[in-house]
Amino acid sequence: MANTWKSLTALGHEEAQVVAIGPYQITERCDVVLASLALRRGQDAAFAAAAHKLGLPLPSASTHAAGPVFSAFWATPEMWFVEADFASHEDIVAHLKPAFGEAASITEQTDAWVRFDVTGAPLAALFERLTNLDLSSLPDGFASRTVIEHLGVYLIRRSASAVVLYGPRSSAQGLLHALEVTAKSVI
């Protein structure tokens, strides 16, 4: 019997969804993989050497940085979330583990999170109703954990008109609903 399984997005569709509301666009992203990367005690030198060899940036607290293949954002002291292109790095752990070996604990995170890219101007007006972060005062590359509608999310400010949100996959519909309702109330 042929395999009849079909992968679905976090929102339950075969294709990523895009919602446009006034000047805002909310795009579900399924083309990015995610892994957590944590430094193991006493492995600082080996960890830094592996990251350097991979061209993997290790940004400081509350920041995001992009490298040639991998991007990363700071999660907690000595822990980052690493992003890569799904098409070339579907099994991201298999790409990271050989370089880091015993210097890091690496966990696949892609299916635990939903990613929404929110674009438009002015985003500050939208996000001041959603979170306690003052988007207008944050620099590009800022990354932090915050709360939107009682959901713990990671927010990455790419620019004044582009924000990336990672929220729990199990709450993808609720997070999208909060974004949609708030966007409608702003326009």
N, C-alpha and C. Protein backbone atom coordinates (compact mmCIF):
# COMPACT_ATOMS: atom_id res chain seq x y z
N MET A 1 0.83 -1.17 0.00
CA MET A 1 0.00 0.00 0.00
C MET A 1 0.88 1.24 0.00
N ALA A 2 0.58 2.20 -0.82
CA ALA A 2 1.36 3.43 -0.93
C ALA A 2 1.15 4.30 0.31
N ASN A 3 2.18 5.05 0.63
CA ASN A 3 2.09 5.98 1.75
C ASN A 3 1.09 7.08 1.41
N THR A 4 0.04 7.22 2.20
CA THR A 4 -0.98 8.23 1.94
C THR A 4 -0.90 9.39 2.92
N TRP A 5 0.15 9.45 3.69
CA TRP A 5 0.32 10.54 4.65
C TRP A 5 0.63 11.83 3.91
N LYS A 6 0.04 12.91 4.37
CA LYS A 6 0.34 14.23 3.82
C LYS A 6 0.74 15.12 4.98
N SER A 7 1.82 15.84 4.81
CA SER A 7 2.20 16.77 5.87
C SER A 7 1.30 17.99 5.79
N LEU A 8 0.95 18.51 6.95
CA LEU A 8 0.11 19.69 7.04
C LEU A 8 0.87 20.79 7.77
N THR A 9 0.53 22.01 7.46
CA THR A 9 1.14 23.13 8.17
C THR A 9 0.57 23.20 9.59
N ALA A 10 1.11 24.06 10.40
CA ALA A 10 0.63 24.22 11.77
C ALA A 10 -0.83 24.65 11.80
N LEU A 11 -1.26 25.35 10.76
CA LEU A 11 -2.65 25.79 10.68
C LEU A 11 -3.56 24.73 10.06
N GLY A 12 -3.01 23.56 9.71
CA GLY A 12 -3.81 22.45 9.23
C GLY A 12 -4.05 22.42 7.73
N HIS A 13 -3.26 23.13 6.96
CA HIS A 13 -3.42 23.17 5.51
C HIS A 13 -2.23 22.48 4.82
N GLU A 14 -2.40 22.20 3.55
CA GLU A 14 -1.30 21.61 2.78
C GLU A 14 -0.28 22.66 2.38
N GLU A 15 -0.70 23.90 2.26
CA GLU A 15 0.18 25.01 1.89
C GLU A 15 0.16 26.06 2.99
N ALA A 16 1.26 26.76 3.15
CA ALA A 16 1.33 27.83 4.14
C ALA A 16 0.30 28.91 3.81
N GLN A 17 -0.26 29.49 4.85
CA GLN A 17 -1.31 30.49 4.70
C GLN A 17 -0.74 31.90 4.76
N VAL A 18 -1.36 32.80 4.00
CA VAL A 18 -1.02 34.21 4.02
C VAL A 18 -2.31 34.99 4.24
N VAL A 19 -2.30 35.86 5.24
CA VAL A 19 -3.46 36.67 5.54
C VAL A 19 -3.07 38.13 5.39
N ALA A 20 -3.84 38.86 4.60
CA ALA A 20 -3.60 40.30 4.42
C ALA A 20 -4.76 41.07 5.04
N ILE A 21 -4.41 42.01 5.91
CA ILE A 21 -5.41 42.86 6.56
C ILE A 21 -4.88 44.28 6.51
N GLY A 22 -5.52 45.11 5.71
CA GLY A 22 -5.04 46.48 5.55
C GLY A 22 -3.58 46.47 5.13
N PRO A 23 -2.74 47.23 5.84
CA PRO A 23 -1.32 47.29 5.47
C PRO A 23 -0.49 46.12 6.00
N TYR A 24 -1.13 45.19 6.71
CA TYR A 24 -0.41 44.09 7.35
C TYR A 24 -0.54 42.80 6.56
N GLN A 25 0.54 42.02 6.57
CA GLN A 25 0.52 40.68 5.99
C GLN A 25 1.09 39.72 7.02
N ILE A 26 0.36 38.66 7.27
CA ILE A 26 0.76 37.61 8.21
C ILE A 26 1.00 36.35 7.40
N THR A 27 2.24 35.88 7.39
CA THR A 27 2.62 34.75 6.55
C THR A 27 3.08 33.58 7.41
N GLU A 28 2.39 32.46 7.27
CA GLU A 28 2.83 31.24 7.95
C GLU A 28 4.05 30.72 7.19
N ARG A 29 5.12 30.41 7.92
CA ARG A 29 6.36 29.95 7.29
C ARG A 29 6.60 28.49 7.63
N CYS A 30 6.67 27.67 6.60
CA CYS A 30 6.94 26.24 6.77
C CYS A 30 8.25 25.84 6.12
N ASP A 31 8.98 26.84 5.65
CA ASP A 31 10.22 26.57 4.90
C ASP A 31 11.47 26.81 5.74
N VAL A 32 11.30 26.88 7.06
CA VAL A 32 12.42 27.11 7.97
C VAL A 32 12.41 26.02 9.03
N VAL A 33 13.59 25.45 9.30
CA VAL A 33 13.72 24.46 10.38
C VAL A 33 14.33 25.14 11.60
N LEU A 34 14.11 24.53 12.74
CA LEU A 34 14.52 25.14 14.01
C LEU A 34 15.07 24.06 14.94
N ALA A 35 16.15 24.38 15.63
CA ALA A 35 16.72 23.49 16.64
C ALA A 35 17.21 24.32 17.81
N SER A 36 17.15 23.76 19.00
CA SER A 36 17.77 24.41 20.15
C SER A 36 19.19 23.89 20.27
N LEU A 37 20.08 24.79 20.65
CA LEU A 37 21.50 24.48 20.75
C LEU A 37 21.98 25.00 22.10
N ALA A 38 22.41 24.10 22.98
CA ALA A 38 22.84 24.48 24.32
C ALA A 38 24.28 24.03 24.57
N LEU A 39 25.05 24.95 25.07
CA LEU A 39 26.45 24.68 25.44
C LEU A 39 26.48 23.74 26.64
N ARG A 40 27.31 22.71 26.54
CA ARG A 40 27.50 21.81 27.68
C ARG A 40 28.62 22.34 28.57
N ARG A 41 28.48 22.12 29.85
CA ARG A 41 29.43 22.61 30.84
C ARG A 41 30.86 22.17 30.52
N GLY A 42 31.77 23.14 30.55
CA GLY A 42 33.18 22.86 30.33
C GLY A 42 33.58 22.70 28.88
N GLN A 43 32.67 22.94 27.96
CA GLN A 43 32.92 22.73 26.54
C GLN A 43 33.01 24.04 25.75
N ASP A 44 33.28 25.14 26.43
CA ASP A 44 33.26 26.47 25.81
C ASP A 44 34.12 26.55 24.55
N ALA A 45 35.35 26.10 24.62
CA ALA A 45 36.27 26.22 23.48
C ALA A 45 35.81 25.37 22.31
N ALA A 46 35.46 24.12 22.56
CA ALA A 46 35.01 23.23 21.48
C ALA A 46 33.71 23.75 20.86
N PHE A 47 32.84 24.28 21.70
CA PHE A 47 31.56 24.82 21.23
C PHE A 47 31.79 26.02 20.31
N ALA A 48 32.62 26.95 20.75
CA ALA A 48 32.92 28.15 19.95
C ALA A 48 33.61 27.76 18.64
N ALA A 49 34.51 26.79 18.68
CA ALA A 49 35.20 26.35 17.46
C ALA A 49 34.22 25.73 16.47
N ALA A 50 33.28 24.92 16.96
CA ALA A 50 32.29 24.29 16.09
C ALA A 50 31.39 25.34 15.45
N ALA A 51 30.95 26.30 16.23
CA ALA A 51 30.09 27.37 15.69
C ALA A 51 30.84 28.16 14.63
N HIS A 52 32.10 28.46 14.90
CA HIS A 52 32.92 29.20 13.93
C HIS A 52 33.09 28.41 12.63
N LYS A 53 33.36 27.13 12.76
CA LYS A 53 33.56 26.27 11.59
C LYS A 53 32.30 26.22 10.71
N LEU A 54 31.12 26.22 11.34
CA LEU A 54 29.85 26.18 10.61
C LEU A 54 29.41 27.56 10.09
N GLY A 55 30.08 28.61 10.56
CA GLY A 55 29.63 29.96 10.21
C GLY A 55 28.34 30.30 10.94
N LEU A 56 28.13 29.67 12.09
CA LEU A 56 26.92 29.86 12.89
C LEU A 56 27.14 30.99 13.88
N PRO A 57 26.39 32.08 13.74
CA PRO A 57 26.54 33.17 14.71
C PRO A 57 25.96 32.76 16.06
N LEU A 58 26.57 33.24 17.13
CA LEU A 58 26.07 33.02 18.48
C LEU A 58 25.78 34.40 19.09
N PRO A 59 24.62 34.97 18.78
CA PRO A 59 24.33 36.33 19.20
C PRO A 59 24.21 36.46 20.71
N SER A 60 24.48 37.65 21.19
CA SER A 60 24.38 37.93 22.62
C SER A 60 22.91 38.05 23.04
N ALA A 61 22.70 38.28 24.32
CA ALA A 61 21.35 38.33 24.88
C ALA A 61 20.45 39.27 24.09
N SER A 62 19.24 38.81 23.87
CA SER A 62 18.17 39.57 23.21
C SER A 62 18.50 39.98 21.78
N THR A 63 19.27 39.15 21.08
CA THR A 63 19.58 39.48 19.69
C THR A 63 19.45 38.27 18.77
N HIS A 64 19.35 38.57 17.49
CA HIS A 64 19.29 37.60 16.41
C HIS A 64 20.40 37.95 15.44
N ALA A 65 21.01 36.95 14.83
CA ALA A 65 22.05 37.19 13.83
C ALA A 65 21.95 36.14 12.74
N ALA A 66 22.24 36.57 11.53
CA ALA A 66 22.18 35.67 10.37
C ALA A 66 23.58 35.36 9.88
N GLY A 67 23.82 34.10 9.55
CA GLY A 67 25.07 33.68 8.93
C GLY A 67 24.78 33.24 7.52
N PRO A 68 25.79 32.71 6.83
CA PRO A 68 25.58 32.30 5.44
C PRO A 68 24.59 31.15 5.27
N VAL A 69 24.52 30.24 6.22
CA VAL A 69 23.62 29.09 6.15
C VAL A 69 22.64 29.09 7.32
N PHE A 70 23.16 29.34 8.49
CA PHE A 70 22.36 29.28 9.71
C PHE A 70 22.14 30.69 10.27
N SER A 71 20.97 30.87 10.87
CA SER A 71 20.68 32.06 11.67
C SER A 71 20.45 31.58 13.09
N ALA A 72 20.58 32.48 14.04
CA ALA A 72 20.35 32.08 15.43
C ALA A 72 19.82 33.25 16.22
N PHE A 73 19.05 32.93 17.25
CA PHE A 73 18.66 33.94 18.21
C PHE A 73 18.86 33.40 19.61
N TRP A 74 19.23 34.31 20.49
CA TRP A 74 19.54 33.98 21.87
C TRP A 74 18.25 33.60 22.59
N ALA A 75 18.28 32.53 23.37
CA ALA A 75 17.11 32.10 24.14
C ALA A 75 17.33 32.28 25.63
N THR A 76 18.43 31.78 26.14
CA THR A 76 18.81 31.91 27.55
C THR A 76 20.33 31.88 27.59
N PRO A 77 20.92 32.15 28.75
CA PRO A 77 22.38 32.05 28.81
C PRO A 77 22.85 30.67 28.30
N GLU A 78 23.77 30.71 27.36
CA GLU A 78 24.39 29.53 26.78
C GLU A 78 23.43 28.63 26.00
N MET A 79 22.32 29.24 25.49
CA MET A 79 21.39 28.49 24.64
C MET A 79 20.84 29.39 23.55
N TRP A 80 20.75 28.84 22.34
CA TRP A 80 20.25 29.57 21.18
C TRP A 80 19.26 28.69 20.43
N PHE A 81 18.42 29.33 19.64
CA PHE A 81 17.62 28.64 18.64
C PHE A 81 18.30 28.89 17.31
N VAL A 82 18.48 27.82 16.55
CA VAL A 82 19.17 27.89 15.26
C VAL A 82 18.15 27.64 14.15
N GLU A 83 18.17 28.51 13.14
CA GLU A 83 17.27 28.41 11.99
C GLU A 83 18.07 28.06 10.74
N ALA A 84 17.43 27.35 9.82
CA ALA A 84 18.04 27.06 8.52
C ALA A 84 16.92 26.81 7.51
N ASP A 85 17.29 26.76 6.27
CA ASP A 85 16.35 26.50 5.19
C ASP A 85 15.88 25.04 5.23
N PHE A 86 14.58 24.84 5.17
CA PHE A 86 14.02 23.50 5.23
C PHE A 86 14.49 22.63 4.06
N ALA A 87 14.51 23.20 2.87
CA ALA A 87 14.83 22.41 1.68
C ALA A 87 16.22 21.77 1.76
N SER A 88 17.17 22.46 2.35
CA SER A 88 18.54 21.93 2.41
C SER A 88 18.93 21.37 3.78
N HIS A 89 18.13 21.64 4.82
CA HIS A 89 18.49 21.23 6.18
C HIS A 89 17.31 20.64 6.94
N GLU A 90 16.47 19.86 6.25
CA GLU A 90 15.27 19.31 6.88
C GLU A 90 15.59 18.64 8.22
N ASP A 91 16.65 17.85 8.26
CA ASP A 91 17.10 17.24 9.51
C ASP A 91 18.24 18.09 10.05
N ILE A 92 17.89 19.20 10.66
CA ILE A 92 18.89 20.18 11.11
C ILE A 92 19.85 19.58 12.13
N VAL A 93 19.35 18.71 12.97
CA VAL A 93 20.23 18.10 13.98
C VAL A 93 21.35 17.31 13.30
N ALA A 94 21.05 16.63 12.22
CA ALA A 94 22.07 15.87 11.50
C ALA A 94 23.14 16.78 10.90
N HIS A 95 22.81 18.04 10.67
CA HIS A 95 23.79 19.00 10.15
C HIS A 95 24.62 19.62 11.28
N LEU A 96 24.03 19.74 12.46
CA LEU A 96 24.73 20.39 13.58
C LEU A 96 25.53 19.41 14.44
N LYS A 97 25.00 18.23 14.69
CA LYS A 97 25.61 17.28 15.63
C LYS A 97 27.03 16.87 15.27
N PRO A 98 27.34 16.59 14.00
CA PRO A 98 28.73 16.20 13.69
C PRO A 98 29.74 17.30 14.04
N ALA A 99 29.36 18.55 13.88
CA ALA A 99 30.29 19.65 14.19
C ALA A 99 30.44 19.85 15.68
N PHE A 100 29.34 19.75 16.43
CA PHE A 100 29.39 20.05 17.87
C PHE A 100 29.74 18.85 18.72
N GLY A 101 29.44 17.66 18.26
CA GLY A 101 29.75 16.46 19.03
C GLY A 101 29.21 16.55 20.45
N GLU A 102 30.09 16.33 21.41
CA GLU A 102 29.70 16.35 22.83
C GLU A 102 29.74 17.75 23.44
N ALA A 103 30.04 18.76 22.65
CA ALA A 103 30.14 20.13 23.18
C ALA A 103 28.77 20.79 23.34
N ALA A 104 27.73 20.19 22.75
CA ALA A 104 26.41 20.83 22.78
C ALA A 104 25.31 19.79 22.90
N SER A 105 24.21 20.23 23.47
CA SER A 105 22.97 19.46 23.44
C SER A 105 22.09 20.11 22.38
N ILE A 106 21.65 19.31 21.42
CA ILE A 106 20.90 19.82 20.28
C ILE A 106 19.57 19.07 20.20
N THR A 107 18.50 19.85 20.08
CA THR A 107 17.17 19.26 20.02
C THR A 107 16.39 19.82 18.85
N GLU A 108 15.83 18.95 18.04
CA GLU A 108 14.95 19.34 16.93
C GLU A 108 13.73 20.07 17.50
N GLN A 109 13.41 21.24 16.96
CA GLN A 109 12.30 22.04 17.47
C GLN A 109 11.26 22.40 16.39
N THR A 110 11.52 22.08 15.15
CA THR A 110 10.69 22.56 14.04
C THR A 110 9.21 22.28 14.26
N ASP A 111 8.84 21.07 14.62
CA ASP A 111 7.43 20.73 14.73
C ASP A 111 6.80 21.16 16.05
N ALA A 112 7.56 21.78 16.92
CA ALA A 112 6.99 22.28 18.17
C ALA A 112 6.51 23.72 18.07
N TRP A 113 6.92 24.41 17.01
CA TRP A 113 6.66 25.84 16.87
C TRP A 113 5.98 26.15 15.55
N VAL A 114 5.21 27.22 15.55
CA VAL A 114 4.70 27.81 14.32
C VAL A 114 5.44 29.13 14.14
N ARG A 115 5.77 29.44 12.91
CA ARG A 115 6.43 30.72 12.63
C ARG A 115 5.50 31.56 11.76
N PHE A 116 5.31 32.80 12.20
CA PHE A 116 4.59 33.79 11.41
C PHE A 116 5.51 34.97 11.16
N ASP A 117 5.61 35.37 9.89
CA ASP A 117 6.29 36.61 9.54
C ASP A 117 5.21 37.67 9.39
N VAL A 118 5.33 38.73 10.15
CA VAL A 118 4.35 39.82 10.12
C VAL A 118 5.04 41.03 9.51
N THR A 119 4.46 41.54 8.43
CA THR A 119 5.03 42.71 7.75
C THR A 119 3.98 43.78 7.58
N GLY A 120 4.46 44.99 7.36
CA GLY A 120 3.56 46.12 7.15
C GLY A 120 4.02 47.30 7.98
N ALA A 121 3.39 48.41 7.73
CA ALA A 121 3.75 49.61 8.49
C ALA A 121 2.47 50.31 8.91
N PRO A 122 2.40 50.82 10.07
CA PRO A 122 3.40 50.76 11.13
C PRO A 122 3.17 49.56 12.05
N LEU A 123 4.16 48.71 12.20
CA LEU A 123 4.03 47.54 13.06
C LEU A 123 3.97 47.89 14.54
N ALA A 124 4.57 49.00 14.91
CA ALA A 124 4.55 49.40 16.32
C ALA A 124 3.11 49.53 16.81
N ALA A 125 2.23 50.10 16.00
CA ALA A 125 0.83 50.28 16.39
C ALA A 125 0.14 48.93 16.61
N LEU A 126 0.51 47.94 15.81
CA LEU A 126 -0.06 46.60 15.96
C LEU A 126 0.47 45.92 17.22
N PHE A 127 1.79 45.93 17.38
CA PHE A 127 2.39 45.18 18.49
C PHE A 127 2.25 45.84 19.85
N GLU A 128 1.97 47.14 19.90
CA GLU A 128 1.74 47.75 21.21
C GLU A 128 0.44 47.25 21.82
N ARG A 129 -0.42 46.69 21.02
CA ARG A 129 -1.67 46.11 21.51
C ARG A 129 -1.53 44.61 21.80
N LEU A 130 -0.45 44.03 21.36
CA LEU A 130 -0.26 42.59 21.51
C LEU A 130 0.72 42.19 22.60
N THR A 131 1.73 43.01 22.84
CA THR A 131 2.82 42.61 23.73
C THR A 131 3.32 43.79 24.54
N ASN A 132 4.07 43.50 25.57
CA ASN A 132 4.64 44.56 26.41
C ASN A 132 5.94 45.12 25.84
N LEU A 133 6.40 44.63 24.71
CA LEU A 133 7.62 45.15 24.11
C LEU A 133 7.29 46.39 23.29
N ASP A 134 8.09 47.44 23.44
CA ASP A 134 7.90 48.68 22.67
C ASP A 134 8.68 48.54 21.37
N LEU A 135 8.02 48.04 20.35
CA LEU A 135 8.66 47.73 19.08
C LEU A 135 9.37 48.94 18.47
N SER A 136 8.81 50.13 18.66
CA SER A 136 9.39 51.33 18.05
C SER A 136 10.73 51.71 18.67
N SER A 137 10.99 51.26 19.88
CA SER A 137 12.26 51.61 20.53
C SER A 137 13.31 50.49 20.43
N LEU A 138 12.95 49.37 19.84
CA LEU A 138 13.86 48.24 19.76
C LEU A 138 14.70 48.31 18.49
N PRO A 139 15.95 47.88 18.57
CA PRO A 139 16.80 47.89 17.37
C PRO A 139 16.49 46.71 16.45
N ASP A 140 16.85 46.83 15.19
CA ASP A 140 16.76 45.71 14.27
C ASP A 140 17.65 44.59 14.82
N GLY A 141 17.18 43.36 14.73
CA GLY A 141 17.94 42.24 15.25
C GLY A 141 17.62 41.91 16.69
N PHE A 142 16.69 42.65 17.30
CA PHE A 142 16.28 42.36 18.67
C PHE A 142 15.48 41.06 18.69
N ALA A 143 15.71 40.23 19.69
CA ALA A 143 14.97 38.97 19.84
C ALA A 143 14.70 38.73 21.31
N SER A 144 13.46 38.37 21.63
CA SER A 144 13.13 38.14 23.03
C SER A 144 11.91 37.25 23.16
N ARG A 145 11.83 36.61 24.28
CA ARG A 145 10.61 35.88 24.65
C ARG A 145 9.64 36.89 25.22
N THR A 146 8.37 36.77 24.86
CA THR A 146 7.34 37.65 25.38
C THR A 146 6.03 36.87 25.40
N VAL A 147 4.94 37.57 25.70
CA VAL A 147 3.63 36.93 25.77
C VAL A 147 2.68 37.67 24.85
N ILE A 148 1.93 36.90 24.06
CA ILE A 148 0.84 37.43 23.24
C ILE A 148 -0.38 36.57 23.53
N GLU A 149 -1.44 37.19 24.03
CA GLU A 149 -2.68 36.47 24.33
C GLU A 149 -2.43 35.23 25.18
N HIS A 150 -1.67 35.37 26.24
CA HIS A 150 -1.37 34.29 27.18
C HIS A 150 -0.50 33.18 26.59
N LEU A 151 0.08 33.42 25.42
CA LEU A 151 0.96 32.44 24.79
C LEU A 151 2.41 32.92 24.87
N GLY A 152 3.30 32.07 25.31
CA GLY A 152 4.71 32.40 25.29
C GLY A 152 5.21 32.33 23.86
N VAL A 153 5.77 33.43 23.35
CA VAL A 153 6.27 33.49 21.98
C VAL A 153 7.67 34.10 21.96
N TYR A 154 8.39 33.83 20.90
CA TYR A 154 9.64 34.54 20.62
C TYR A 154 9.35 35.56 19.54
N LEU A 155 9.79 36.78 19.77
CA LEU A 155 9.62 37.86 18.81
C LEU A 155 10.99 38.31 18.33
N ILE A 156 11.16 38.39 17.02
CA ILE A 156 12.40 38.88 16.42
C ILE A 156 12.05 40.09 15.57
N ARG A 157 12.63 41.23 15.88
CA ARG A 157 12.39 42.45 15.10
C ARG A 157 13.43 42.51 13.99
N ARG A 158 13.00 42.26 12.77
CA ARG A 158 13.91 42.34 11.62
C ARG A 158 14.11 43.80 11.21
N SER A 159 13.00 44.55 11.22
CA SER A 159 13.03 45.98 10.88
C SER A 159 11.75 46.60 11.43
N ALA A 160 11.57 47.89 11.21
CA ALA A 160 10.37 48.57 11.67
C ALA A 160 9.12 48.02 11.00
N SER A 161 9.29 47.34 9.87
CA SER A 161 8.13 46.82 9.14
C SER A 161 8.15 45.30 8.97
N ALA A 162 8.99 44.61 9.74
CA ALA A 162 9.07 43.15 9.63
C ALA A 162 9.40 42.51 10.99
N VAL A 163 8.52 41.63 11.43
CA VAL A 163 8.69 40.93 12.70
C VAL A 163 8.47 39.44 12.46
N VAL A 164 9.27 38.62 13.11
CA VAL A 164 9.09 37.16 13.09
C VAL A 164 8.58 36.75 14.47
N LEU A 165 7.56 35.90 14.47
CA LEU A 165 7.03 35.35 15.71
C LEU A 165 7.13 33.84 15.67
N TYR A 166 7.63 33.25 16.75
CA TYR A 166 7.57 31.81 16.95
C TYR A 166 6.65 31.57 18.13
N GLY A 167 5.59 30.80 17.91
CA GLY A 167 4.66 30.45 18.98
C GLY A 167 4.45 28.96 19.02
N PRO A 168 3.82 28.47 20.08
CA PRO A 168 3.59 27.03 20.17
C PRO A 168 2.72 26.53 19.02
N ARG A 169 3.17 25.48 18.38
CA ARG A 169 2.42 24.94 17.23
C ARG A 169 1.00 24.56 17.63
N SER A 170 0.83 24.04 18.83
CA SER A 170 -0.50 23.63 19.27
C SER A 170 -1.45 24.81 19.43
N SER A 171 -0.93 26.01 19.45
CA SER A 171 -1.75 27.22 19.58
C SER A 171 -1.67 28.10 18.34
N ALA A 172 -1.32 27.51 17.20
CA ALA A 172 -1.15 28.29 15.98
C ALA A 172 -2.42 29.06 15.61
N GLN A 173 -3.56 28.40 15.67
CA GLN A 173 -4.82 29.05 15.33
C GLN A 173 -5.11 30.22 16.28
N GLY A 174 -4.87 30.03 17.56
CA GLY A 174 -5.12 31.09 18.54
C GLY A 174 -4.21 32.28 18.33
N LEU A 175 -2.94 32.03 18.03
CA LEU A 175 -2.00 33.12 17.78
C LEU A 175 -2.38 33.88 16.52
N LEU A 176 -2.73 33.16 15.46
CA LEU A 176 -3.16 33.82 14.23
C LEU A 176 -4.42 34.65 14.49
N HIS A 177 -5.34 34.11 15.24
CA HIS A 177 -6.57 34.84 15.55
C HIS A 177 -6.26 36.15 16.29
N ALA A 178 -5.36 36.09 17.26
CA ALA A 178 -4.98 37.30 18.00
C ALA A 178 -4.37 38.33 17.06
N LEU A 179 -3.52 37.89 16.14
CA LEU A 179 -2.91 38.80 15.17
C LEU A 179 -3.97 39.42 14.26
N GLU A 180 -4.90 38.58 13.77
CA GLU A 180 -5.94 39.07 12.86
C GLU A 180 -6.86 40.08 13.54
N VAL A 181 -7.34 39.75 14.72
CA VAL A 181 -8.27 40.63 15.44
C VAL A 181 -7.60 41.97 15.75
N THR A 182 -6.36 41.90 16.20
CA THR A 182 -5.64 43.13 16.52
C THR A 182 -5.37 43.96 15.28
N ALA A 183 -4.99 43.32 14.19
CA ALA A 183 -4.74 44.04 12.93
C ALA A 183 -6.02 44.75 12.48
N LYS A 184 -7.16 44.08 12.58
CA LYS A 184 -8.44 44.69 12.18
C LYS A 184 -8.78 45.88 13.06
N SER A 185 -8.39 45.81 14.34
CA SER A 185 -8.72 46.91 15.25
C SER A 185 -7.83 48.13 15.03
N VAL A 186 -6.68 47.94 14.39
CA VAL A 186 -5.72 49.03 14.17
C VAL A 186 -6.01 49.80 12.88
N ILE A 187 -6.50 49.09 11.85
CA ILE A 187 -6.66 49.76 10.54
C ILE A 187 -7.85 50.69 10.52
